[in-house]
Protein backbone atom coordinates (compact mmCIF):
# COMPACT_ATOMS: atom_id res chain seq x y z
CA TYR A 1 -40.32 -42.59 -45.96
CA GLU A 2 -39.56 -43.29 -42.05
CA GLN A 3 -37.01 -40.15 -41.79
CA VAL A 4 -39.47 -38.03 -43.03
CA ILE A 5 -42.24 -38.68 -40.67
CA GLU A 6 -39.34 -38.91 -38.41
CA TYR A 7 -38.00 -35.67 -38.65
CA ALA A 8 -40.82 -33.97 -40.10
CA THR A 9 -44.17 -34.96 -37.58
CA PRO A 10 -41.98 -32.97 -34.61
CA LEU A 11 -42.41 -30.06 -37.18
CA LEU A 12 -45.74 -29.06 -37.02
CA LYS A 13 -45.93 -28.86 -33.36
CA ASN A 14 -44.93 -25.55 -33.69
CA PRO A 15 -48.01 -23.60 -34.81
CA ASN A 16 -46.26 -20.89 -36.08
CA PHE A 17 -44.04 -23.31 -38.89
CA LYS A 18 -44.26 -21.71 -41.80
CA TYR A 19 -44.13 -24.38 -44.26
CA ALA A 20 -47.61 -27.14 -41.97
CA LEU A 21 -49.35 -27.75 -45.21
CA GLU A 22 -46.50 -28.71 -47.18
CA THR A 23 -44.84 -31.26 -44.46
CA THR A 24 -48.29 -32.04 -43.47
CA TYR A 25 -48.51 -33.65 -47.10
CA LEU A 26 -45.27 -34.88 -46.81
CA VAL A 27 -46.26 -37.14 -43.48
CA GLY A 28 -49.63 -38.37 -44.90
CA LYS A 29 -48.22 -39.14 -47.90
CA SER A 30 -45.05 -40.82 -46.16
CA TYR A 31 -47.43 -42.71 -43.71
CA PHE A 32 -49.59 -43.60 -46.87
CA ASN A 33 -46.38 -45.07 -48.99
CA THR A 34 -45.58 -47.52 -45.52
CA GLU A 35 -49.01 -48.78 -45.47
CA SER A 36 -49.81 -47.50 -42.09
CA TYR A 37 -53.04 -45.92 -43.56
CA PHE A 38 -54.55 -45.46 -39.71
CA GLU A 39 -51.48 -43.34 -39.27
CA ALA A 40 -51.78 -41.29 -42.46
CA LEU A 41 -55.59 -40.37 -42.54
CA PRO A 42 -55.44 -37.46 -39.92
CA TYR A 43 -52.48 -35.79 -42.00
CA LEU A 44 -54.28 -36.31 -45.61
CA LYS A 45 -57.79 -35.22 -43.90
CA ASP A 46 -55.82 -31.92 -42.82
CA TYR A 47 -53.85 -31.46 -46.12
CA ILE A 48 -56.97 -31.88 -48.30
CA LYS A 49 -59.56 -29.86 -45.82
CA ASN A 50 -56.84 -26.63 -46.03
CA ALA A 51 -54.80 -27.20 -49.88
CA SER A 52 -55.97 -24.59 -52.31
CA LYS A 53 -55.51 -26.84 -55.13
CA LEU A 54 -55.82 -30.74 -55.26
CA ILE A 55 -55.00 -33.08 -57.29
CA PRO A 56 -56.58 -36.15 -58.02
CA SER A 57 -54.54 -38.60 -56.90
CA ASP A 58 -54.02 -36.50 -53.22
CA ILE A 59 -58.17 -37.65 -53.06
CA TYR A 60 -57.13 -41.29 -54.42
CA ASN A 61 -54.73 -41.72 -51.46
CA LEU A 62 -57.32 -39.90 -48.74
CA GLY A 63 -60.16 -42.32 -49.93
CA PHE A 64 -57.52 -45.58 -50.68
CA SER A 65 -56.67 -45.29 -46.79
CA TYR A 66 -60.34 -45.17 -45.42
CA TYR A 67 -60.83 -47.87 -47.96
CA LYS A 68 -57.72 -49.92 -45.70
CA VAL A 69 -58.50 -48.95 -42.03
CA LYS A 70 -62.32 -50.61 -43.40
CA ASN A 71 -64.61 -46.41 -43.16
CA GLN A 72 -66.41 -47.52 -46.41
CA ASP A 73 -68.53 -44.90 -46.35
CA LYS A 74 -65.24 -42.24 -46.09
CA ALA A 75 -63.90 -43.87 -49.13
CA ILE A 76 -66.97 -43.98 -51.43
CA GLU A 77 -67.13 -40.03 -50.73
CA TYR A 78 -63.99 -39.36 -51.61
CA LEU A 79 -63.29 -42.06 -54.30
CA LYS A 80 -66.51 -40.88 -56.23
CA GLN A 81 -65.07 -37.68 -56.40
CA ILE A 82 -62.12 -38.98 -59.09
CA THR A 83 -63.96 -41.86 -60.65
CA ASP A 84 -65.40 -39.59 -63.76
CA ASN A 85 -62.10 -39.63 -65.13
CA LYS A 86 -60.52 -42.27 -67.96
CA ASP A 87 -57.62 -42.44 -66.45
CA SER A 88 -55.75 -45.34 -64.42
CA LEU A 89 -56.23 -43.36 -61.14
CA ALA A 90 -59.77 -43.62 -62.21
CA GLN A 91 -59.88 -47.24 -62.83
CA ASN A 92 -58.59 -48.03 -59.64
CA ALA A 93 -60.72 -45.71 -57.71
CA ASN A 94 -63.64 -46.85 -59.62
CA TYR A 95 -62.25 -50.63 -58.40
CA ILE A 96 -61.57 -50.27 -54.74
CA MET A 97 -65.41 -48.08 -54.62
CA ALA A 98 -67.27 -51.40 -56.16
CA ASN A 99 -65.66 -53.47 -53.22
CA ALA A 100 -66.46 -50.71 -50.78
CA PHE A 101 -70.13 -50.95 -51.68
CA LEU A 102 -69.84 -54.76 -52.04
CA GLU A 103 -69.12 -54.88 -47.89
CA LEU A 104 -71.51 -52.59 -47.18
CA GLY A 105 -73.84 -54.85 -48.92
CA GLU A 106 -74.71 -52.75 -52.11
CA LYS A 107 -74.59 -54.60 -54.95
CA ARG A 108 -76.46 -52.57 -57.17
CA ASN A 109 -73.67 -49.59 -56.68
CA ALA A 110 -70.89 -52.27 -56.62
CA LYS A 111 -72.03 -53.21 -59.88
CA ALA A 112 -72.23 -49.91 -61.87
CA ALA A 113 -68.93 -48.96 -59.90
CA PHE A 114 -67.38 -52.22 -61.39
CA PHE A 115 -69.26 -51.82 -65.17
CA LYS A 116 -67.23 -47.91 -64.92
CA THR A 117 -63.71 -50.12 -64.13
CA LYS A 118 -64.17 -52.45 -67.13
CA GLN A 119 -65.13 -49.62 -69.07
CA ILE A 120 -62.32 -47.46 -68.75
CA ASP A 121 -59.79 -50.93 -69.87
CA LEU A 122 -56.53 -49.38 -69.43
CA ASP A 123 -54.67 -51.58 -66.64
CA GLU A 124 -55.48 -55.07 -68.58
CA LYS A 125 -55.66 -57.17 -65.15
CA LEU A 126 -58.05 -54.99 -63.30
CA THR A 127 -60.25 -54.68 -66.46
CA GLU A 128 -60.83 -58.72 -66.33
CA LEU A 129 -60.97 -58.32 -62.82
CA ALA A 130 -64.37 -55.70 -63.34
CA SER A 131 -65.66 -57.70 -66.11
CA PHE A 132 -66.08 -60.63 -63.61
CA ASN A 133 -66.83 -59.05 -60.67
CA HIS A 134 -69.72 -57.10 -63.11
CA ALA A 135 -71.04 -60.37 -64.34
CA LYS A 136 -71.02 -61.76 -61.23
CA MET A 137 -73.42 -59.03 -59.97
CA CYS A 138 -75.75 -59.20 -62.52
CA TYR A 139 -75.73 -62.32 -61.54
CA ASP A 140 -76.33 -62.22 -57.40
CA LEU A 141 -78.82 -59.57 -58.57
CA GLU A 142 -80.78 -62.05 -60.79
CA LEU A 143 -80.43 -60.13 -63.95
CA PHE A 144 -80.52 -62.84 -65.82
CA GLU A 145 -80.49 -61.74 -69.43
CA SER A 146 -77.61 -59.35 -67.96
CA SER A 147 -75.65 -62.54 -66.90
CA ILE A 148 -76.05 -64.38 -69.74
CA ASN A 149 -74.71 -61.29 -72.12
CA ASN A 150 -71.60 -60.62 -69.84
CA ILE A 151 -70.56 -64.05 -68.46
CA GLN A 152 -70.75 -64.63 -72.16
CA SER A 153 -68.52 -61.76 -73.39
CA PHE A 154 -66.18 -62.60 -70.23
CA LEU A 155 -65.87 -66.14 -71.56
CA ASP A 156 -65.01 -65.07 -74.88
CA LYS A 157 -62.53 -61.92 -73.61
CA TYR A 158 -60.83 -63.97 -71.13
CA PRO A 159 -60.41 -67.62 -72.48
CA GLU A 160 -57.26 -68.04 -70.05
CA SER A 161 -58.98 -66.49 -67.22
CA GLU A 162 -58.78 -67.94 -63.67
CA PHE A 163 -61.98 -67.30 -63.37
CA ILE A 164 -63.60 -69.61 -66.18
CA ALA A 165 -64.39 -72.22 -64.07
CA GLU A 166 -66.55 -69.69 -61.78
CA ALA A 167 -68.05 -67.99 -65.43
CA LYS A 168 -68.90 -71.92 -66.49
CA GLU A 169 -70.42 -72.28 -63.54
CA MET A 170 -72.45 -69.15 -63.14
CA LEU A 171 -73.63 -69.62 -66.88
CA SER A 172 -74.53 -73.58 -66.06
CA GLN A 173 -76.64 -72.41 -63.27
CA MET A 174 -78.89 -70.39 -65.29
CA PHE A 175 -80.06 -72.79 -67.28
CA LEU A 176 -81.24 -75.12 -64.75
């Protein structure tokens, strides 16, 4: 990826470069793959703005980059475009979006995104995390009947989870 960035970036300085859009994509994707999200953003944005046809992973990469540089509003704006599919990319996008909502203090929206994440149910670990966090959001929002049902469902489905103690503690707190 470093070689792509090193070679291709100077080519983009030529305004008449025939393959600017494709090269912009390659540079942005290379920065993304090296976890240089701040550097990836201008290339990914430019590609998204100018490409005639996008695939969901293009939008995910831009949304995830915004999430990693702590621009949660922009992350949500892009990720929500791909969250209605029933594939692993949508499951991940919903989970990242839920965490972005949490960072913005929007627990109701986070709860909804965690719910969508667990409903897709393709990545077992992500489904477990989303199930726990959805139950936790119900608890935090004082939706007690929903909390009890979701926590109990979580305990039944994931008896070996690392979150068992915390789930049991939330459940016991509701009965005090």
